[in-house]
């Protein structure tokens, strides 16, 4: 019996540490895709075999810039720009390598992406065109007017990415995977 309990604990710890982990949404920055208190599973193995892709919803530990601001909890945002890409905001729209990024799957047509969402006195990372550094990703919230995201604090290094959100399990009426 002790062996069974020990193996069960070890197995559960191993899965949570290396394979998958449940998270819950603590803010409205990803609305309407994710609501406050939604619970979802993150695949921690996927980026061992491939790089994050545009539109992936990722969970990541705070960057050095966020740690300076005393953030300790994981964030959830959407990958919008990949390493080496030039990013800029023009007239409320996001451009990648001078091409308009089609975000109509998760943003309403009237929703604007602006740089004036940062804290008072904080310069916007996207105030001018920026090229994403190697092994880094620009992540933004789907609720662009109410998301403290990469527009303010910059990029997420790949080593900070915990994994990709793959399955919402709560509330039950929204059970299912995520469209990217």
N, C-alpha and C. Protein backbone atom coordinates (compact mmCIF):
# COMPACT_ATOMS: atom_id res chain seq x y z
N UNK A 1 0.83 -1.19 0.00
CA UNK A 1 0.00 0.00 0.00
C UNK A 1 0.87 1.26 0.00
N UNK A 2 1.92 1.28 0.81
CA UNK A 2 2.82 2.44 0.88
C UNK A 2 3.51 2.63 -0.47
N UNK A 3 3.92 1.52 -1.10
CA UNK A 3 4.56 1.62 -2.42
C UNK A 3 3.59 2.22 -3.45
N UNK A 4 2.33 1.78 -3.41
CA UNK A 4 1.33 2.27 -4.35
C UNK A 4 1.11 3.77 -4.16
N UNK A 5 0.96 4.21 -2.94
CA UNK A 5 0.77 5.63 -2.66
C UNK A 5 2.01 6.42 -3.08
N UNK A 6 3.18 5.91 -2.76
CA UNK A 6 4.42 6.58 -3.13
C UNK A 6 4.57 6.71 -4.64
N UNK A 7 4.29 5.62 -5.36
CA UNK A 7 4.37 5.67 -6.82
C UNK A 7 3.33 6.62 -7.40
N UNK A 8 2.15 6.63 -6.83
CA UNK A 8 1.09 7.54 -7.31
C UNK A 8 1.50 8.99 -7.13
N UNK A 9 2.06 9.31 -5.98
CA UNK A 9 2.52 10.68 -5.71
C UNK A 9 3.65 11.04 -6.67
N UNK A 10 4.60 10.14 -6.83
CA UNK A 10 5.72 10.38 -7.73
C UNK A 10 5.24 10.56 -9.17
N UNK A 11 4.31 9.73 -9.60
CA UNK A 11 3.75 9.81 -10.94
C UNK A 11 3.03 11.14 -11.15
N UNK A 12 2.18 11.53 -10.18
CA UNK A 12 1.44 12.79 -10.28
C UNK A 12 2.40 13.98 -10.30
N UNK A 13 3.42 13.95 -9.45
CA UNK A 13 4.41 15.03 -9.42
C UNK A 13 5.15 15.12 -10.75
N UNK A 14 5.52 13.98 -11.31
CA UNK A 14 6.23 13.95 -12.59
C UNK A 14 5.39 14.52 -13.72
N UNK A 15 4.11 14.16 -13.76
CA UNK A 15 3.23 14.68 -14.80
C UNK A 15 3.11 16.20 -14.67
N UNK A 16 2.84 16.68 -13.46
CA UNK A 16 2.67 18.13 -13.25
C UNK A 16 3.95 18.89 -13.55
N UNK A 17 5.08 18.34 -13.22
CA UNK A 17 6.35 19.02 -13.40
C UNK A 17 6.79 19.03 -14.86
N UNK A 18 6.61 17.92 -15.56
CA UNK A 18 7.20 17.78 -16.89
C UNK A 18 6.22 17.68 -18.05
N UNK A 19 4.98 17.28 -17.83
CA UNK A 19 4.08 16.97 -18.93
C UNK A 19 2.95 17.98 -19.09
N UNK A 20 2.13 18.13 -18.08
CA UNK A 20 0.96 19.01 -18.17
C UNK A 20 0.63 19.57 -16.80
N UNK A 21 0.00 20.73 -16.80
CA UNK A 21 -0.36 21.36 -15.54
C UNK A 21 -1.64 22.17 -15.74
N UNK A 22 -2.47 22.20 -14.73
CA UNK A 22 -3.69 23.00 -14.76
C UNK A 22 -3.37 24.41 -14.27
N UNK A 23 -3.99 25.39 -14.92
CA UNK A 23 -3.88 26.79 -14.54
C UNK A 23 -5.28 27.39 -14.52
N UNK A 24 -5.42 28.53 -13.88
CA UNK A 24 -6.67 29.25 -13.97
C UNK A 24 -6.39 30.70 -14.34
N UNK A 25 -7.39 31.33 -14.95
CA UNK A 25 -7.26 32.70 -15.43
C UNK A 25 -7.56 33.65 -14.28
N UNK A 26 -6.63 34.58 -14.05
CA UNK A 26 -6.76 35.50 -12.92
C UNK A 26 -7.12 36.92 -13.35
N UNK A 27 -7.09 37.20 -14.66
CA UNK A 27 -7.41 38.55 -15.12
C UNK A 27 -8.26 38.48 -16.38
N UNK A 28 -8.75 39.63 -16.81
CA UNK A 28 -9.57 39.70 -18.01
C UNK A 28 -8.78 40.01 -19.26
N UNK A 29 -7.45 39.86 -19.23
CA UNK A 29 -6.62 40.26 -20.37
C UNK A 29 -6.80 39.38 -21.61
N UNK A 30 -7.36 38.19 -21.45
CA UNK A 30 -7.55 37.30 -22.61
C UNK A 30 -9.02 37.18 -23.01
N UNK A 31 -9.88 38.03 -22.45
CA UNK A 31 -11.29 38.00 -22.85
C UNK A 31 -11.42 38.45 -24.30
N UNK A 32 -12.31 37.91 -25.08
CA UNK A 32 -13.33 36.95 -24.73
C UNK A 32 -12.88 35.49 -24.83
N UNK A 33 -11.65 35.24 -25.29
CA UNK A 33 -11.17 33.86 -25.45
C UNK A 33 -11.20 33.11 -24.13
N UNK A 34 -10.67 33.72 -23.09
CA UNK A 34 -10.66 33.14 -21.74
C UNK A 34 -11.27 34.13 -20.76
N UNK A 35 -12.09 33.62 -19.88
CA UNK A 35 -12.75 34.46 -18.86
C UNK A 35 -12.06 34.27 -17.52
N UNK A 36 -12.23 35.25 -16.64
CA UNK A 36 -11.70 35.12 -15.29
C UNK A 36 -12.27 33.85 -14.66
N UNK A 37 -11.43 33.07 -14.03
CA UNK A 37 -11.73 31.79 -13.37
C UNK A 37 -11.88 30.61 -14.31
N UNK A 38 -11.69 30.79 -15.62
CA UNK A 38 -11.60 29.62 -16.50
C UNK A 38 -10.40 28.80 -16.04
N UNK A 39 -10.52 27.49 -16.19
CA UNK A 39 -9.42 26.60 -15.85
C UNK A 39 -9.04 25.80 -17.10
N UNK A 40 -7.74 25.61 -17.28
CA UNK A 40 -7.28 24.99 -18.52
C UNK A 40 -6.00 24.21 -18.26
N UNK A 41 -5.71 23.30 -19.19
CA UNK A 41 -4.50 22.46 -19.12
C UNK A 41 -3.45 23.03 -20.06
N UNK A 42 -2.22 23.06 -19.58
CA UNK A 42 -1.08 23.51 -20.38
C UNK A 42 -0.19 22.31 -20.70
N UNK A 43 0.11 22.14 -21.97
CA UNK A 43 1.03 21.11 -22.44
C UNK A 43 2.45 21.64 -22.26
N UNK A 44 3.20 21.04 -21.35
CA UNK A 44 4.57 21.48 -21.06
C UNK A 44 5.61 20.82 -21.95
N UNK A 45 5.22 19.82 -22.70
CA UNK A 45 6.17 19.07 -23.53
C UNK A 45 6.27 19.61 -24.96
N UNK A 46 5.23 20.25 -25.45
CA UNK A 46 5.14 20.61 -26.86
C UNK A 46 6.35 21.39 -27.35
N UNK A 47 6.87 22.31 -26.55
CA UNK A 47 7.98 23.14 -27.02
C UNK A 47 9.34 22.48 -26.82
N UNK A 48 9.34 21.24 -26.38
CA UNK A 48 10.58 20.45 -26.39
C UNK A 48 10.85 19.93 -27.79
N UNK A 49 9.78 19.89 -28.61
CA UNK A 49 9.87 19.30 -29.94
C UNK A 49 9.68 20.30 -31.08
N UNK A 50 9.10 21.45 -30.77
CA UNK A 50 8.91 22.47 -31.79
C UNK A 50 8.90 23.84 -31.13
N UNK A 51 9.03 24.86 -31.94
CA UNK A 51 9.03 26.24 -31.45
C UNK A 51 7.60 26.74 -31.30
N UNK A 52 7.38 27.70 -30.41
CA UNK A 52 6.05 28.32 -30.34
C UNK A 52 5.66 28.89 -31.71
N UNK A 53 4.39 28.81 -32.02
CA UNK A 53 3.86 29.28 -33.29
C UNK A 53 3.00 30.52 -33.07
N UNK A 54 2.88 31.33 -34.12
CA UNK A 54 2.00 32.48 -34.04
C UNK A 54 0.57 32.01 -33.70
N UNK A 55 -0.06 32.74 -32.83
CA UNK A 55 -1.42 32.52 -32.33
C UNK A 55 -1.52 31.47 -31.23
N UNK A 56 -0.44 30.77 -30.90
CA UNK A 56 -0.48 29.88 -29.74
C UNK A 56 -0.83 30.70 -28.50
N UNK A 57 -1.62 30.13 -27.62
CA UNK A 57 -1.87 30.74 -26.32
C UNK A 57 -0.89 30.07 -25.37
N UNK A 58 -0.01 30.88 -24.77
CA UNK A 58 1.06 30.34 -23.94
C UNK A 58 0.98 30.86 -22.51
N UNK A 59 1.48 30.02 -21.61
CA UNK A 59 1.67 30.42 -20.22
C UNK A 59 3.17 30.54 -20.03
N UNK A 60 3.58 31.62 -19.34
CA UNK A 60 5.02 31.85 -19.15
C UNK A 60 5.28 32.46 -17.78
N UNK A 61 6.47 32.19 -17.29
CA UNK A 61 6.89 32.79 -16.03
C UNK A 61 7.31 34.24 -16.31
N UNK A 62 7.24 35.10 -15.31
CA UNK A 62 7.56 36.51 -15.52
C UNK A 62 8.97 36.70 -16.09
N UNK A 63 9.07 37.63 -17.02
CA UNK A 63 10.36 38.00 -17.60
C UNK A 63 11.13 38.82 -16.56
N UNK A 64 12.40 39.09 -16.85
CA UNK A 64 13.20 39.92 -15.94
C UNK A 64 12.55 41.28 -15.73
N UNK A 65 12.01 41.84 -16.81
CA UNK A 65 11.34 43.15 -16.71
C UNK A 65 10.14 43.08 -15.78
N UNK A 66 9.36 42.02 -15.88
CA UNK A 66 8.19 41.85 -15.01
C UNK A 66 8.59 41.57 -13.57
N UNK A 67 9.68 40.84 -13.36
CA UNK A 67 10.16 40.58 -12.00
C UNK A 67 10.56 41.88 -11.31
N UNK A 68 11.14 42.83 -12.08
CA UNK A 68 11.49 44.14 -11.52
C UNK A 68 10.26 44.85 -10.98
N UNK A 69 9.10 44.54 -11.57
CA UNK A 69 7.83 45.14 -11.14
C UNK A 69 7.12 44.28 -10.09
N UNK A 70 7.82 43.30 -9.56
CA UNK A 70 7.32 42.44 -8.48
C UNK A 70 6.25 41.45 -8.93
N UNK A 71 6.22 41.09 -10.21
CA UNK A 71 5.31 40.04 -10.66
C UNK A 71 5.97 38.70 -10.42
N UNK A 72 5.19 37.77 -9.84
CA UNK A 72 5.71 36.43 -9.54
C UNK A 72 4.90 35.32 -10.19
N UNK A 73 3.62 35.57 -10.45
CA UNK A 73 2.74 34.54 -10.99
C UNK A 73 2.87 34.43 -12.50
N UNK A 74 2.53 33.27 -13.02
CA UNK A 74 2.57 33.03 -14.46
C UNK A 74 1.55 33.91 -15.18
N UNK A 75 1.88 34.25 -16.42
CA UNK A 75 1.01 35.03 -17.30
C UNK A 75 0.48 34.12 -18.39
N UNK A 76 -0.66 34.50 -18.97
CA UNK A 76 -1.16 33.82 -20.17
C UNK A 76 -1.46 34.87 -21.22
N UNK A 77 -0.91 34.67 -22.41
CA UNK A 77 -1.09 35.61 -23.53
C UNK A 77 -1.01 34.82 -24.83
N UNK A 78 -1.23 35.54 -25.94
CA UNK A 78 -1.18 34.94 -27.27
C UNK A 78 0.10 35.37 -27.99
N UNK A 79 0.79 34.43 -28.62
CA UNK A 79 1.98 34.73 -29.40
C UNK A 79 1.53 35.43 -30.69
N UNK A 80 2.08 36.63 -30.93
CA UNK A 80 1.73 37.35 -32.15
C UNK A 80 2.93 37.58 -33.06
N UNK A 81 4.14 37.56 -32.52
CA UNK A 81 5.33 37.77 -33.36
C UNK A 81 6.44 36.83 -32.94
N UNK A 82 7.18 36.38 -33.94
CA UNK A 82 8.21 35.36 -33.79
C UNK A 82 9.60 35.98 -33.91
N UNK A 83 10.64 35.24 -33.51
CA UNK A 83 12.01 35.75 -33.61
C UNK A 83 12.35 36.24 -35.02
N UNK A 84 13.00 37.41 -35.07
CA UNK A 84 13.44 37.97 -36.34
C UNK A 84 12.40 38.79 -37.07
N UNK A 85 11.16 38.80 -36.61
CA UNK A 85 10.12 39.56 -37.29
C UNK A 85 10.11 41.02 -36.84
N UNK A 86 9.82 41.91 -37.79
CA UNK A 86 9.66 43.33 -37.48
C UNK A 86 8.20 43.58 -37.15
N UNK A 87 7.96 44.23 -36.01
CA UNK A 87 6.60 44.47 -35.53
C UNK A 87 6.39 45.97 -35.39
N UNK A 88 5.21 46.41 -35.81
CA UNK A 88 4.83 47.80 -35.55
C UNK A 88 3.32 47.92 -35.48
N UNK A 89 2.88 48.98 -34.83
CA UNK A 89 1.46 49.29 -34.74
C UNK A 89 1.20 50.52 -35.60
N UNK A 90 0.23 50.38 -36.51
CA UNK A 90 -0.18 51.49 -37.38
C UNK A 90 -1.69 51.62 -37.31
N UNK A 91 -2.15 52.80 -36.94
CA UNK A 91 -3.58 53.11 -36.92
C UNK A 91 -4.37 52.02 -36.19
N UNK A 92 -3.85 51.57 -35.05
CA UNK A 92 -4.56 50.61 -34.22
C UNK A 92 -4.50 49.16 -34.68
N UNK A 93 -3.66 48.88 -35.66
CA UNK A 93 -3.52 47.52 -36.18
C UNK A 93 -2.08 47.07 -36.06
N UNK A 94 -1.90 45.76 -35.92
CA UNK A 94 -0.58 45.17 -35.76
C UNK A 94 -0.05 44.73 -37.12
N UNK A 95 1.19 45.11 -37.43
CA UNK A 95 1.84 44.74 -38.68
C UNK A 95 3.09 43.93 -38.37
N UNK A 96 3.25 42.83 -39.08
CA UNK A 96 4.42 41.97 -38.97
C UNK A 96 5.12 41.99 -40.33
N UNK A 97 6.37 42.41 -40.34
CA UNK A 97 7.13 42.52 -41.59
C UNK A 97 6.34 43.28 -42.66
N UNK A 98 5.74 44.39 -42.25
CA UNK A 98 4.95 45.30 -43.11
C UNK A 98 3.66 44.70 -43.65
N UNK A 99 3.21 43.56 -43.09
CA UNK A 99 1.95 42.94 -43.50
C UNK A 99 0.97 42.99 -42.33
N UNK A 100 -0.26 43.40 -42.61
CA UNK A 100 -1.29 43.43 -41.57
C UNK A 100 -1.50 42.03 -41.01
N UNK A 101 -1.46 41.89 -39.70
CA UNK A 101 -1.70 40.60 -39.06
C UNK A 101 -3.20 40.38 -38.95
N UNK A 102 -3.68 39.31 -39.54
CA UNK A 102 -5.12 38.98 -39.49
C UNK A 102 -5.44 38.37 -38.12
N UNK A 103 -6.18 39.12 -37.31
CA UNK A 103 -6.51 38.68 -35.96
C UNK A 103 -8.02 38.56 -35.76
N UNK A 104 -8.77 38.42 -36.85
CA UNK A 104 -10.22 38.42 -36.76
C UNK A 104 -10.81 37.19 -36.08
N UNK A 105 -10.02 36.15 -35.84
CA UNK A 105 -10.54 34.97 -35.12
C UNK A 105 -10.76 35.26 -33.64
N UNK A 106 -10.02 36.22 -33.09
CA UNK A 106 -10.12 36.47 -31.65
C UNK A 106 -10.25 37.95 -31.28
N UNK A 107 -10.18 38.86 -32.26
CA UNK A 107 -10.42 40.28 -32.00
C UNK A 107 -11.63 40.73 -32.81
N UNK A 108 -12.44 41.59 -32.22
CA UNK A 108 -13.56 42.15 -32.98
C UNK A 108 -13.01 43.18 -33.96
N UNK A 109 -13.71 43.43 -35.07
CA UNK A 109 -13.20 44.38 -36.08
C UNK A 109 -12.94 45.78 -35.53
N UNK A 110 -13.72 46.19 -34.55
CA UNK A 110 -13.54 47.54 -34.00
C UNK A 110 -12.47 47.62 -32.91
N UNK A 111 -11.95 46.50 -32.48
CA UNK A 111 -10.94 46.51 -31.42
C UNK A 111 -9.61 47.02 -31.97
N UNK A 112 -9.02 47.96 -31.25
CA UNK A 112 -7.77 48.59 -31.65
C UNK A 112 -6.61 48.06 -30.81
N UNK A 113 -5.44 48.01 -31.41
CA UNK A 113 -4.22 47.69 -30.69
C UNK A 113 -3.44 48.98 -30.57
N UNK A 114 -3.42 49.55 -29.38
CA UNK A 114 -2.75 50.83 -29.19
C UNK A 114 -1.56 50.66 -28.24
N UNK A 115 -0.75 51.68 -28.16
CA UNK A 115 0.40 51.63 -27.25
C UNK A 115 0.10 52.32 -25.93
N UNK A 116 -1.06 52.95 -25.80
CA UNK A 116 -1.35 53.69 -24.58
C UNK A 116 -2.07 52.85 -23.53
N UNK A 117 -1.61 51.63 -23.33
CA UNK A 117 -2.17 50.77 -22.28
C UNK A 117 -1.17 50.57 -21.13
N UNK A 118 0.01 51.14 -21.28
CA UNK A 118 1.06 50.93 -20.28
C UNK A 118 0.82 51.80 -19.05
N UNK A 119 1.52 51.47 -17.99
CA UNK A 119 1.42 52.22 -16.75
C UNK A 119 1.92 53.64 -16.93
N UNK A 120 1.41 54.55 -16.12
CA UNK A 120 1.83 55.95 -16.21
C UNK A 120 3.35 56.06 -16.10
N UNK A 121 3.94 56.77 -17.04
CA UNK A 121 5.38 56.97 -17.03
C UNK A 121 6.18 55.84 -17.67
N UNK A 122 5.51 54.77 -18.07
CA UNK A 122 6.21 53.64 -18.68
C UNK A 122 6.21 53.80 -20.20
N UNK A 123 7.39 53.74 -20.79
CA UNK A 123 7.50 53.83 -22.24
C UNK A 123 7.00 52.54 -22.87
N UNK A 124 6.33 52.65 -24.00
CA UNK A 124 5.83 51.47 -24.70
C UNK A 124 6.94 50.81 -25.49
N UNK A 125 7.04 49.50 -25.36
CA UNK A 125 8.02 48.71 -26.13
C UNK A 125 7.76 48.85 -27.63
N UNK A 126 6.48 49.04 -28.00
CA UNK A 126 6.12 49.14 -29.42
C UNK A 126 5.85 50.57 -29.86
N UNK A 127 6.46 51.54 -29.19
CA UNK A 127 6.28 52.94 -29.58
C UNK A 127 6.83 53.19 -30.99
N UNK A 128 7.77 52.37 -31.41
CA UNK A 128 8.33 52.44 -32.77
C UNK A 128 8.53 51.00 -33.24
N UNK A 129 8.77 50.80 -34.54
CA UNK A 129 8.98 49.43 -35.03
C UNK A 129 10.11 48.73 -34.28
N UNK A 130 9.90 47.44 -34.01
CA UNK A 130 10.85 46.64 -33.24
C UNK A 130 11.06 45.31 -33.96
N UNK A 131 12.30 44.83 -33.97
CA UNK A 131 12.59 43.49 -34.47
C UNK A 131 12.73 42.56 -33.27
N UNK A 132 11.99 41.46 -33.28
CA UNK A 132 11.99 40.51 -32.17
C UNK A 132 13.33 39.78 -32.14
N UNK A 133 13.99 39.78 -30.97
CA UNK A 133 15.30 39.12 -30.86
C UNK A 133 15.20 37.59 -31.02
N UNK A 134 16.34 36.94 -31.28
CA UNK A 134 16.35 35.47 -31.38
C UNK A 134 15.81 34.83 -30.09
N UNK A 135 15.15 33.70 -30.24
CA UNK A 135 14.62 32.92 -29.11
C UNK A 135 13.70 33.72 -28.22
N UNK A 136 12.99 34.69 -28.78
CA UNK A 136 12.04 35.52 -28.03
C UNK A 136 10.76 35.67 -28.83
N UNK A 137 9.68 35.99 -28.12
CA UNK A 137 8.36 36.08 -28.73
C UNK A 137 7.62 37.29 -28.17
N UNK A 138 6.85 37.95 -29.04
CA UNK A 138 5.98 39.02 -28.59
C UNK A 138 4.62 38.41 -28.30
N UNK A 139 4.13 38.65 -27.10
CA UNK A 139 2.83 38.11 -26.69
C UNK A 139 1.92 39.27 -26.29
N UNK A 140 0.65 39.17 -26.70
CA UNK A 140 -0.35 40.18 -26.36
C UNK A 140 -1.61 39.50 -25.86
N UNK A 141 -2.37 40.21 -25.06
CA UNK A 141 -3.67 39.72 -24.61
C UNK A 141 -4.71 39.95 -25.69
N UNK A 142 -5.76 39.14 -25.69
CA UNK A 142 -6.84 39.31 -26.67
C UNK A 142 -7.70 40.52 -26.33
N UNK A 143 -7.75 40.91 -25.09
CA UNK A 143 -8.52 42.08 -24.65
C UNK A 143 -7.58 43.29 -24.69
N UNK A 144 -7.32 43.77 -25.89
CA UNK A 144 -6.25 44.74 -26.11
C UNK A 144 -6.38 46.03 -25.30
N UNK A 145 -7.59 46.47 -25.00
CA UNK A 145 -7.73 47.70 -24.23
C UNK A 145 -7.41 47.49 -22.75
N UNK A 146 -7.44 46.25 -22.28
CA UNK A 146 -7.25 45.95 -20.86
C UNK A 146 -6.25 44.83 -20.64
N UNK A 147 -5.13 44.88 -21.34
CA UNK A 147 -4.13 43.84 -21.18
C UNK A 147 -2.77 44.49 -20.97
N UNK A 148 -2.15 44.15 -19.86
CA UNK A 148 -0.77 44.56 -19.61
C UNK A 148 0.09 43.48 -20.24
N UNK A 149 0.70 43.80 -21.37
CA UNK A 149 1.36 42.76 -22.16
C UNK A 149 2.65 43.26 -22.79
N UNK A 150 3.13 42.57 -23.81
CA UNK A 150 4.39 42.87 -24.44
C UNK A 150 4.51 44.28 -24.99
N UNK A 151 3.40 44.95 -25.23
CA UNK A 151 3.47 46.34 -25.68
C UNK A 151 4.16 47.21 -24.64
N UNK A 152 4.07 46.80 -23.38
CA UNK A 152 4.63 47.60 -22.28
C UNK A 152 5.98 47.09 -21.82
N UNK A 153 6.15 45.79 -21.67
CA UNK A 153 7.36 45.24 -21.06
C UNK A 153 8.24 44.43 -22.00
N UNK A 154 7.87 44.31 -23.26
CA UNK A 154 8.76 43.67 -24.22
C UNK A 154 8.45 42.22 -24.52
N UNK A 155 9.48 41.47 -24.85
CA UNK A 155 9.33 40.10 -25.34
C UNK A 155 9.51 39.07 -24.23
N UNK A 156 9.09 37.85 -24.54
CA UNK A 156 9.25 36.72 -23.62
C UNK A 156 10.32 35.80 -24.19
N UNK A 157 11.40 35.58 -23.46
CA UNK A 157 12.41 34.60 -23.91
C UNK A 157 11.80 33.20 -23.91
N UNK A 158 12.20 32.37 -24.86
CA UNK A 158 11.62 31.04 -24.96
C UNK A 158 11.77 30.24 -23.66
N UNK A 159 12.87 30.44 -22.93
CA UNK A 159 13.06 29.67 -21.70
C UNK A 159 12.05 30.02 -20.61
N UNK A 160 11.34 31.14 -20.75
CA UNK A 160 10.30 31.50 -19.78
C UNK A 160 8.96 30.85 -20.09
N UNK A 161 8.81 30.32 -21.30
CA UNK A 161 7.53 29.74 -21.70
C UNK A 161 7.36 28.38 -21.04
N UNK A 162 6.31 28.26 -20.25
CA UNK A 162 6.00 27.03 -19.53
C UNK A 162 5.36 26.02 -20.47
N UNK A 163 4.46 26.50 -21.32
CA UNK A 163 3.79 25.60 -22.26
C UNK A 163 2.64 26.27 -22.98
N UNK A 164 1.94 25.47 -23.77
CA UNK A 164 0.82 25.96 -24.59
C UNK A 164 -0.50 25.51 -23.99
N UNK A 165 -1.44 26.44 -23.88
CA UNK A 165 -2.79 26.10 -23.41
C UNK A 165 -3.45 25.21 -24.46
N UNK A 166 -3.96 24.04 -24.01
CA UNK A 166 -4.52 23.10 -24.97
C UNK A 166 -5.97 22.72 -24.71
N UNK A 167 -6.43 22.81 -23.45
CA UNK A 167 -7.77 22.32 -23.14
C UNK A 167 -8.36 23.08 -21.97
N UNK A 168 -9.52 23.71 -22.22
CA UNK A 168 -10.26 24.34 -21.12
C UNK A 168 -11.17 23.25 -20.52
N UNK A 169 -11.09 23.08 -19.19
CA UNK A 169 -11.93 22.07 -18.54
C UNK A 169 -12.95 22.67 -17.58
N UNK A 170 -12.88 23.98 -17.36
CA UNK A 170 -13.87 24.64 -16.51
C UNK A 170 -14.07 26.05 -17.00
N UNK A 171 -15.28 26.50 -17.11
CA UNK A 171 -16.53 25.83 -16.77
C UNK A 171 -16.88 24.75 -17.81
N UNK A 172 -17.64 23.79 -17.36
CA UNK A 172 -17.96 22.65 -18.21
C UNK A 172 -18.65 23.04 -19.51
N UNK A 173 -19.46 24.11 -19.49
CA UNK A 173 -20.17 24.51 -20.72
C UNK A 173 -19.21 25.08 -21.77
N UNK A 174 -17.96 25.36 -21.41
CA UNK A 174 -16.95 25.82 -22.37
C UNK A 174 -15.82 24.80 -22.54
N UNK A 175 -16.07 23.56 -22.15
CA UNK A 175 -15.05 22.49 -22.23
C UNK A 175 -14.60 22.35 -23.68
N UNK A 176 -13.28 22.26 -23.87
CA UNK A 176 -12.77 22.00 -25.22
C UNK A 176 -11.42 22.64 -25.45
N UNK A 177 -10.89 22.40 -26.65
CA UNK A 177 -9.59 22.93 -27.04
C UNK A 177 -9.69 24.37 -27.50
N UNK A 178 -8.54 24.92 -27.85
CA UNK A 178 -8.46 26.30 -28.31
C UNK A 178 -8.17 26.34 -29.79
N UNK A 179 -8.87 27.21 -30.52
CA UNK A 179 -8.58 27.44 -31.93
C UNK A 179 -7.46 28.45 -32.02
N UNK A 180 -6.46 28.16 -32.80
CA UNK A 180 -5.35 29.11 -33.00
C UNK A 180 -5.46 29.78 -34.34
